[in-house]
PDB file of N, CA and C in Angstrom:
ATOM      1  N   MET A   1     -23.201 -51.264 118.504  1.00  0.00           N
ATOM      2  CA  MET A   1     -22.691 -52.531 118.998  1.00  0.00           C
ATOM      3  C   MET A   1     -21.643 -52.234 120.059  1.00  0.00           C
ATOM      4  N   GLY A   2     -21.601 -53.078 121.052  1.00  0.00           N
ATOM      5  CA  GLY A   2     -20.628 -52.907 122.115  1.00  0.00           C
ATOM      6  C   GLY A   2     -21.075 -53.667 123.335  1.00  0.00           C
ATOM      7  N   ILE A   3     -20.303 -53.541 124.372  1.00  0.00           N
ATOM      8  CA  ILE A   3     -20.645 -54.248 125.596  1.00  0.00           C
ATOM      9  C   ILE A   3     -21.480 -53.334 126.485  1.00  0.00           C
ATOM     10  N   GLU A   4     -22.481 -53.911 127.099  1.00  0.00           N
ATOM     11  CA  GLU A   4     -23.336 -53.148 127.995  1.00  0.00           C
ATOM     12  C   GLU A   4     -22.530 -52.726 129.213  1.00  0.00           C
ATOM     13  N   GLY A   5     -22.832 -51.555 129.722  1.00  0.00           N
ATOM     14  CA  GLY A   5     -22.104 -51.028 130.875  1.00  0.00           C
ATOM     15  C   GLY A   5     -22.127 -51.955 132.070  1.00  0.00           C
ATOM     16  N   GLU A   6     -23.274 -52.580 132.334  1.00  0.00           N
ATOM     17  CA  GLU A   6     -23.391 -53.481 133.477  1.00  0.00           C
ATOM     18  C   GLU A   6     -22.506 -54.704 133.299  1.00  0.00           C
ATOM     19  N   LYS A   7     -22.475 -55.253 132.072  1.00  0.00           N
ATOM     20  CA  LYS A   7     -21.627 -56.423 131.822  1.00  0.00           C
ATOM     21  C   LYS A   7     -20.154 -56.053 131.974  1.00  0.00           C
ATOM     22  N   TRP A   8     -19.789 -54.873 131.489  1.00  0.00           N
ATOM     23  CA  TRP A   8     -18.403 -54.426 131.599  1.00  0.00           C
ATOM     24  C   TRP A   8     -18.038 -54.247 133.069  1.00  0.00           C
ATOM     25  N   ALA A   9     -18.954 -53.686 133.846  1.00  0.00           N
ATOM     26  CA  ALA A   9     -18.700 -53.483 135.272  1.00  0.00           C
ATOM     27  C   ALA A   9     -18.542 -54.817 135.995  1.00  0.00           C
ATOM     28  N   ASP A  10     -19.277 -55.829 135.560  1.00  0.00           N
ATOM     29  CA  ASP A  10     -19.212 -57.147 136.202  1.00  0.00           C
ATOM     30  C   ASP A  10     -18.049 -58.007 135.694  1.00  0.00           C
ATOM     31  N   ALA A  11     -17.422 -57.585 134.607  1.00  0.00           N
ATOM     32  CA  ALA A  11     -16.332 -58.374 134.029  1.00  0.00           C
ATOM     33  C   ALA A  11     -15.123 -58.378 134.958  1.00  0.00           C
ATOM     34  N   SER A  12     -14.414 -59.483 134.945  1.00  0.00           N
ATOM     35  CA  SER A  12     -13.207 -59.575 135.762  1.00  0.00           C
ATOM     36  C   SER A  12     -12.114 -58.712 135.142  1.00  0.00           C
ATOM     37  N   GLU A  13     -11.126 -58.409 135.937  1.00  0.00           N
ATOM     38  CA  GLU A  13      -9.989 -57.622 135.436  1.00  0.00           C
ATOM     39  C   GLU A  13      -9.327 -58.351 134.262  1.00  0.00           C
ATOM     40  N   ARG A  14      -9.232 -59.670 134.371  1.00  0.00           N
ATOM     41  CA  ARG A  14      -8.635 -60.473 133.297  1.00  0.00           C
ATOM     42  C   ARG A  14      -9.426 -60.297 132.006  1.00  0.00           C
ATOM     43  N   ASP A  15     -10.765 -60.379 132.081  1.00  0.00           N
ATOM     44  CA  ASP A  15     -11.594 -60.230 130.891  1.00  0.00           C
ATOM     45  C   ASP A  15     -11.461 -58.839 130.286  1.00  0.00           C
ATOM     46  N   ARG A  16     -11.363 -57.831 131.124  1.00  0.00           N
ATOM     47  CA  ARG A  16     -11.193 -56.452 130.621  1.00  0.00           C
ATOM     48  C   ARG A  16      -9.864 -56.293 129.896  1.00  0.00           C
ATOM     49  N   VAL A  17      -8.800 -56.861 130.473  1.00  0.00           N
ATOM     50  CA  VAL A  17      -7.483 -56.784 129.839  1.00  0.00           C
ATOM     51  C   VAL A  17      -7.509 -57.493 128.491  1.00  0.00           C
ATOM     52  N   LEU A  18      -8.116 -58.684 128.451  1.00  0.00           N
ATOM     53  CA  LEU A  18      -8.203 -59.428 127.195  1.00  0.00           C
ATOM     54  C   LEU A  18      -9.026 -58.676 126.154  1.00  0.00           C
ATOM     55  N   ALA A  19     -10.150 -58.099 126.564  1.00  0.00           N
ATOM     56  CA  ALA A  19     -10.991 -57.352 125.633  1.00  0.00           C
ATOM     57  C   ALA A  19     -10.244 -56.149 125.069  1.00  0.00           C
ATOM     58  N   ASN A  20      -9.518 -55.437 125.929  1.00  0.00           N
ATOM     59  CA  ASN A  20      -8.752 -54.289 125.453  1.00  0.00           C
ATOM     60  C   ASN A  20      -7.637 -54.708 124.504  1.00  0.00           C
ATOM     61  N   ALA A  21      -6.995 -55.830 124.803  1.00  0.00           N
ATOM     62  CA  ALA A  21      -5.931 -56.327 123.919  1.00  0.00           C
ATOM     63  C   ALA A  21      -6.504 -56.708 122.560  1.00  0.00           C
ATOM     64  N   MET A  22      -7.678 -57.355 122.574  1.00  0.00           N
ATOM     65  CA  MET A  22      -8.310 -57.746 121.310  1.00  0.00           C
ATOM     66  C   MET A  22      -8.677 -56.503 120.495  1.00  0.00           C
ATOM     67  N   LEU A  23      -9.181 -55.488 121.161  1.00  0.00           N
ATOM     68  CA  LEU A  23      -9.533 -54.254 120.460  1.00  0.00           C
ATOM     69  C   LEU A  23      -8.292 -53.597 119.854  1.00  0.00           C
ATOM     70  N   GLU A  24      -7.211 -53.575 120.607  1.00  0.00           N
ATOM     71  CA  GLU A  24      -5.972 -53.009 120.081  1.00  0.00           C
ATOM     72  C   GLU A  24      -5.500 -53.783 118.855  1.00  0.00           C
ATOM     73  N   ASP A  25      -5.605 -55.122 118.909  1.00  0.00           N
ATOM     74  CA  ASP A  25      -5.225 -55.940 117.758  1.00  0.00           C
ATOM     75  C   ASP A  25      -6.112 -55.626 116.556  1.00  0.00           C
ATOM     76  N   LEU A  26      -7.396 -55.468 116.814  1.00  0.00           N
ATOM     77  CA  LEU A  26      -8.335 -55.165 115.741  1.00  0.00           C
ATOM     78  C   LEU A  26      -7.982 -53.847 115.051  1.00  0.00           C
ATOM     79  N   MET A  27      -7.549 -52.893 115.820  1.00  0.00           N
ATOM     80  CA  MET A  27      -7.236 -51.586 115.265  1.00  0.00           C
ATOM     81  C   MET A  27      -5.986 -51.606 114.377  1.00  0.00           C
ATOM     82  N   THR A  28      -5.198 -52.680 114.460  1.00  0.00           N
ATOM     83  CA  THR A  28      -3.985 -52.750 113.640  1.00  0.00           C
ATOM     84  C   THR A  28      -4.225 -53.448 112.298  1.00  0.00           C
ATOM     85  N   ILE A  29      -5.435 -54.014 112.116  1.00  0.00           N
ATOM     86  CA  ILE A  29      -5.751 -54.674 110.844  1.00  0.00           C
ATOM     87  C   ILE A  29      -5.939 -53.592 109.785  1.00  0.00           C
ATOM     88  N   PRO A  30      -5.251 -53.700 108.657  1.00  0.00           N
ATOM     89  CA  PRO A  30      -5.413 -52.706 107.594  1.00  0.00           C
ATOM     90  C   PRO A  30      -6.880 -52.633 107.134  1.00  0.00           C
ATOM     91  N   GLU A  31      -7.340 -51.449 106.818  1.00  0.00           N
ATOM     92  CA  GLU A  31      -8.729 -51.233 106.391  1.00  0.00           C
ATOM     93  C   GLU A  31      -9.122 -52.180 105.263  1.00  0.00           C
ATOM     94  N   ALA A  32      -8.207 -52.408 104.330  1.00  0.00           N
ATOM     95  CA  ALA A  32      -8.511 -53.262 103.180  1.00  0.00           C
ATOM     96  C   ALA A  32      -8.836 -54.699 103.617  1.00  0.00           C
ATOM     97  N   GLU A  33      -8.292 -55.140 104.734  1.00  0.00           N
ATOM     98  CA  GLU A  33      -8.521 -56.504 105.206  1.00  0.00           C
ATOM     99  C   GLU A  33      -9.724 -56.611 106.141  1.00  0.00           C
ATOM    100  N   LYS A  34     -10.153 -55.500 106.717  1.00  0.00           N
ATOM    101  CA  LYS A  34     -11.255 -55.542 107.679  1.00  0.00           C
ATOM    102  C   LYS A  34     -12.534 -56.072 107.054  1.00  0.00           C
ATOM    103  N   GLU A  35     -12.812 -55.726 105.810  1.00  0.00           N
ATOM    104  CA  GLU A  35     -14.036 -56.201 105.154  1.00  0.00           C
ATOM    105  C   GLU A  35     -14.009 -57.721 105.001  1.00  0.00           C
ATOM    106  N   ALA A  36     -12.851 -58.271 104.655  1.00  0.00           N
ATOM    107  CA  ALA A  36     -12.736 -59.721 104.512  1.00  0.00           C
ATOM    108  C   ALA A  36     -12.973 -60.417 105.857  1.00  0.00           C
ATOM    109  N   TYR A  37     -12.410 -59.870 106.935  1.00  0.00           N
ATOM    110  CA  TYR A  37     -12.639 -60.433 108.260  1.00  0.00           C
ATOM    111  C   TYR A  37     -14.117 -60.344 108.635  1.00  0.00           C
ATOM    112  N   TRP A  38     -14.754 -59.226 108.308  1.00  0.00           N
ATOM    113  CA  TRP A  38     -16.171 -59.027 108.611  1.00  0.00           C
ATOM    114  C   TRP A  38     -17.035 -60.061 107.879  1.00  0.00           C
ATOM    115  N   GLU A  39     -16.740 -60.305 106.619  1.00  0.00           N
ATOM    116  CA  GLU A  39     -17.501 -61.290 105.842  1.00  0.00           C
ATOM    117  C   GLU A  39     -17.339 -62.691 106.432  1.00  0.00           C
ATOM    118  N   LEU A  40     -16.128 -63.043 106.837  1.00  0.00           N
ATOM    119  CA  LEU A  40     -15.899 -64.351 107.464  1.00  0.00           C
ATOM    120  C   LEU A  40     -16.685 -64.469 108.772  1.00  0.00           C
ATOM    121  N   TYR A  41     -16.694 -63.399 109.545  1.00  0.00           N
ATOM    122  CA  TYR A  41     -17.439 -63.394 110.796  1.00  0.00           C
ATOM    123  C   TYR A  41     -18.931 -63.613 110.537  1.00  0.00           C
ATOM    124  N   LYS A  42     -19.484 -62.877 109.576  1.00  0.00           N
ATOM    125  CA  LYS A  42     -20.913 -63.003 109.280  1.00  0.00           C
ATOM    126  C   LYS A  42     -21.247 -64.414 108.795  1.00  0.00           C
ATOM    127  N   GLN A  43     -20.387 -65.001 107.980  1.00  0.00           N
ATOM    128  CA  GLN A  43     -20.628 -66.370 107.514  1.00  0.00           C
ATOM    129  C   GLN A  43     -20.676 -67.336 108.691  1.00  0.00           C
ATOM    130  N   GLY A  44     -19.778 -67.175 109.625  1.00  0.00           N
ATOM    131  CA  GLY A  44     -19.760 -68.027 110.804  1.00  0.00           C
ATOM    132  C   GLY A  44     -21.012 -67.859 111.648  1.00  0.00           C
ATOM    133  N   VAL A  45     -21.466 -66.613 111.795  1.00  0.00           N
ATOM    134  CA  VAL A  45     -22.678 -66.352 112.575  1.00  0.00           C
ATOM    135  C   VAL A  45     -23.880 -66.985 111.899  1.00  0.00           C
ATOM    136  N   PHE A  46     -24.013 -66.806 110.593  1.00  0.00           N
ATOM    137  CA  PHE A  46     -25.166 -67.360 109.884  1.00  0.00           C
ATOM    138  C   PHE A  46     -25.165 -68.889 109.931  1.00  0.00           C
ATOM    139  N   LYS A  47     -23.993 -69.492 109.796  1.00  0.00           N
ATOM    140  CA  LYS A  47     -23.907 -70.949 109.882  1.00  0.00           C
ATOM    141  C   LYS A  47     -24.279 -71.427 111.277  1.00  0.00           C
ATOM    142  N   GLY A  48     -23.810 -70.718 112.276  1.00  0.00           N
ATOM    143  CA  GLY A  48     -24.139 -71.078 113.648  1.00  0.00           C
ATOM    144  C   GLY A  48     -25.626 -70.963 113.923  1.00  0.00           C
ATOM    145  N   LEU A  49     -26.257 -69.898 113.427  1.00  0.00           N
ATOM    146  CA  LEU A  49     -27.692 -69.718 113.625  1.00  0.00           C
ATOM    147  C   LEU A  49     -28.481 -70.805 112.908  1.00  0.00           C
ATOM    148  N   ALA A  50     -28.049 -71.163 111.695  1.00  0.00           N
ATOM    149  CA  ALA A  50     -28.731 -72.214 110.940  1.00  0.00           C
ATOM    150  C   ALA A  50     -28.605 -73.545 111.665  1.00  0.00           C
ATOM    151  N   ARG A  51     -27.433 -73.827 112.210  1.00  0.00           N
ATOM    152  CA  ARG A  51     -27.219 -75.071 112.941  1.00  0.00           C
ATOM    153  C   ARG A  51     -28.089 -75.108 114.196  1.00  0.00           C
ATOM    154  N   MET A  52     -28.145 -74.006 114.925  1.00  0.00           N
ATOM    155  CA  MET A  52     -28.969 -73.960 116.130  1.00  0.00           C
ATOM    156  C   MET A  52     -30.441 -74.170 115.791  1.00  0.00           C
ATOM    157  N   LYS A  53     -30.908 -73.569 114.704  1.00  0.00           N
ATOM    158  CA  LYS A  53     -32.305 -73.733 114.296  1.00  0.00           C
ATOM    159  C   LYS A  53     -32.586 -75.187 113.931  1.00  0.00           C
ATOM    160  N   ALA A  54     -31.695 -75.800 113.161  1.00  0.00           N
ATOM    161  CA  ALA A  54     -31.883 -77.195 112.746  1.00  0.00           C
ATOM    162  C   ALA A  54     -31.876 -78.120 113.957  1.00  0.00           C
ATOM    163  N   GLU A  55     -30.982 -77.873 114.898  1.00  0.00           N
ATOM    164  CA  GLU A  55     -30.927 -78.705 116.094  1.00  0.00           C
ATOM    165  C   GLU A  55     -32.200 -78.554 116.927  1.00  0.00           C
ATOM    166  N   GLN A  56     -32.703 -77.323 117.022  1.00  0.00           N
ATOM    167  CA  GLN A  56     -33.932 -77.095 117.773  1.00  0.00           C
ATOM    168  C   GLN A  56     -35.119 -77.788 117.106  1.00  0.00           C
ATOM    169  N   GLU A  57     -35.193 -77.692 115.780  1.00  0.00           N
ATOM    170  CA  GLU A  57     -36.277 -78.353 115.053  1.00  0.00           C
ATOM    171  C   GLU A  57     -36.198 -79.865 115.211  1.00  0.00           C
ATOM    172  N   ALA A  58     -34.992 -80.409 115.177  1.00  0.00           N
ATOM    173  CA  ALA A  58     -34.830 -81.848 115.359  1.00  0.00           C
ATOM    174  C   ALA A  58     -35.264 -82.254 116.765  1.00  0.00           C
ATOM    175  N   LYS A  59     -34.920 -81.440 117.737  1.00  0.00           N
ATOM    176  CA  LYS A  59     -35.293 -81.727 119.121  1.00  0.00           C
ATOM    177  C   LYS A  59     -36.809 -81.680 119.291  1.00  0.00           C
ATOM    178  N   GLU A  60     -37.467 -80.771 118.574  1.00  0.00           N
ATOM    179  CA  GLU A  60     -38.916 -80.625 118.672  1.00  0.00           C
ATOM    180  C   GLU A  60     -39.657 -81.614 117.777  1.00  0.00           C
ATOM    181  N   GLY A  61     -38.902 -82.430 117.032  1.00  0.00           N
ATOM    182  CA  GLY A  61     -39.522 -83.436 116.167  1.00  0.00           C
ATOM    183  C   GLY A  61     -40.115 -82.864 114.901  1.00  0.00           C
ATOM    184  N   LYS A  62     -39.575 -81.762 114.441  1.00  0.00           N
ATOM    185  CA  LYS A  62     -40.095 -81.141 113.218  1.00  0.00           C
ATOM    186  C   LYS A  62     -39.352 -81.629 111.975  1.00  0.00           C
ATOM    187  N   GLY A  63     -38.595 -82.660 112.125  1.00  0.00           N
ATOM    188  CA  GLY A  63     -37.916 -83.241 110.967  1.00  0.00           C
ATOM    189  C   GLY A  63     -36.673 -82.513 110.521  1.00  0.00           C
ATOM    190  N   GLY A  64     -36.211 -81.599 111.299  1.00  0.00           N
ATOM    191  CA  GLY A  64     -34.998 -80.887 110.932  1.00  0.00           C
ATOM    192  C   GLY A  64     -33.801 -81.796 110.988  1.00  0.00           C
ATOM    193  N   LYS A  65     -32.837 -81.551 110.145  1.00  0.00           N
ATOM    194  CA  LYS A  65     -31.610 -82.334 110.138  1.00  0.00           C
ATOM    195  C   LYS A  65     -30.475 -81.436 110.553  1.00  0.00           C
ATOM    196  N   LYS A  66     -29.485 -82.029 111.177  1.00  0.00           N
ATOM    197  CA  LYS A  66     -28.291 -81.262 111.506  1.00  0.00           C
ATOM    198  C   LYS A  66     -27.564 -80.930 110.217  1.00  0.00           C
ATOM    199  N   PRO A  67     -27.144 -79.681 110.060  1.00  0.00           N
ATOM    200  CA  PRO A  67     -26.386 -79.322 108.844  1.00  0.00           C
ATOM    201  C   PRO A  67     -25.024 -79.962 108.822  1.00  0.00           C
TER     202      PRO A  67
END
């Protein structure tokens, strides 16, 4: 996982500074807490994917409902 070289090369200086700052912040999270943050992230991703699927199905008339 990571950013593709081309995307990094195209990123603005501001975006690079922000990304580096975020990485530095991430490195200061105690190991014991990193797993909890990871689980929260995965829950958010799965909810987002489920919502996108339901919205697409509703748009296509497949009877999907928004979660």
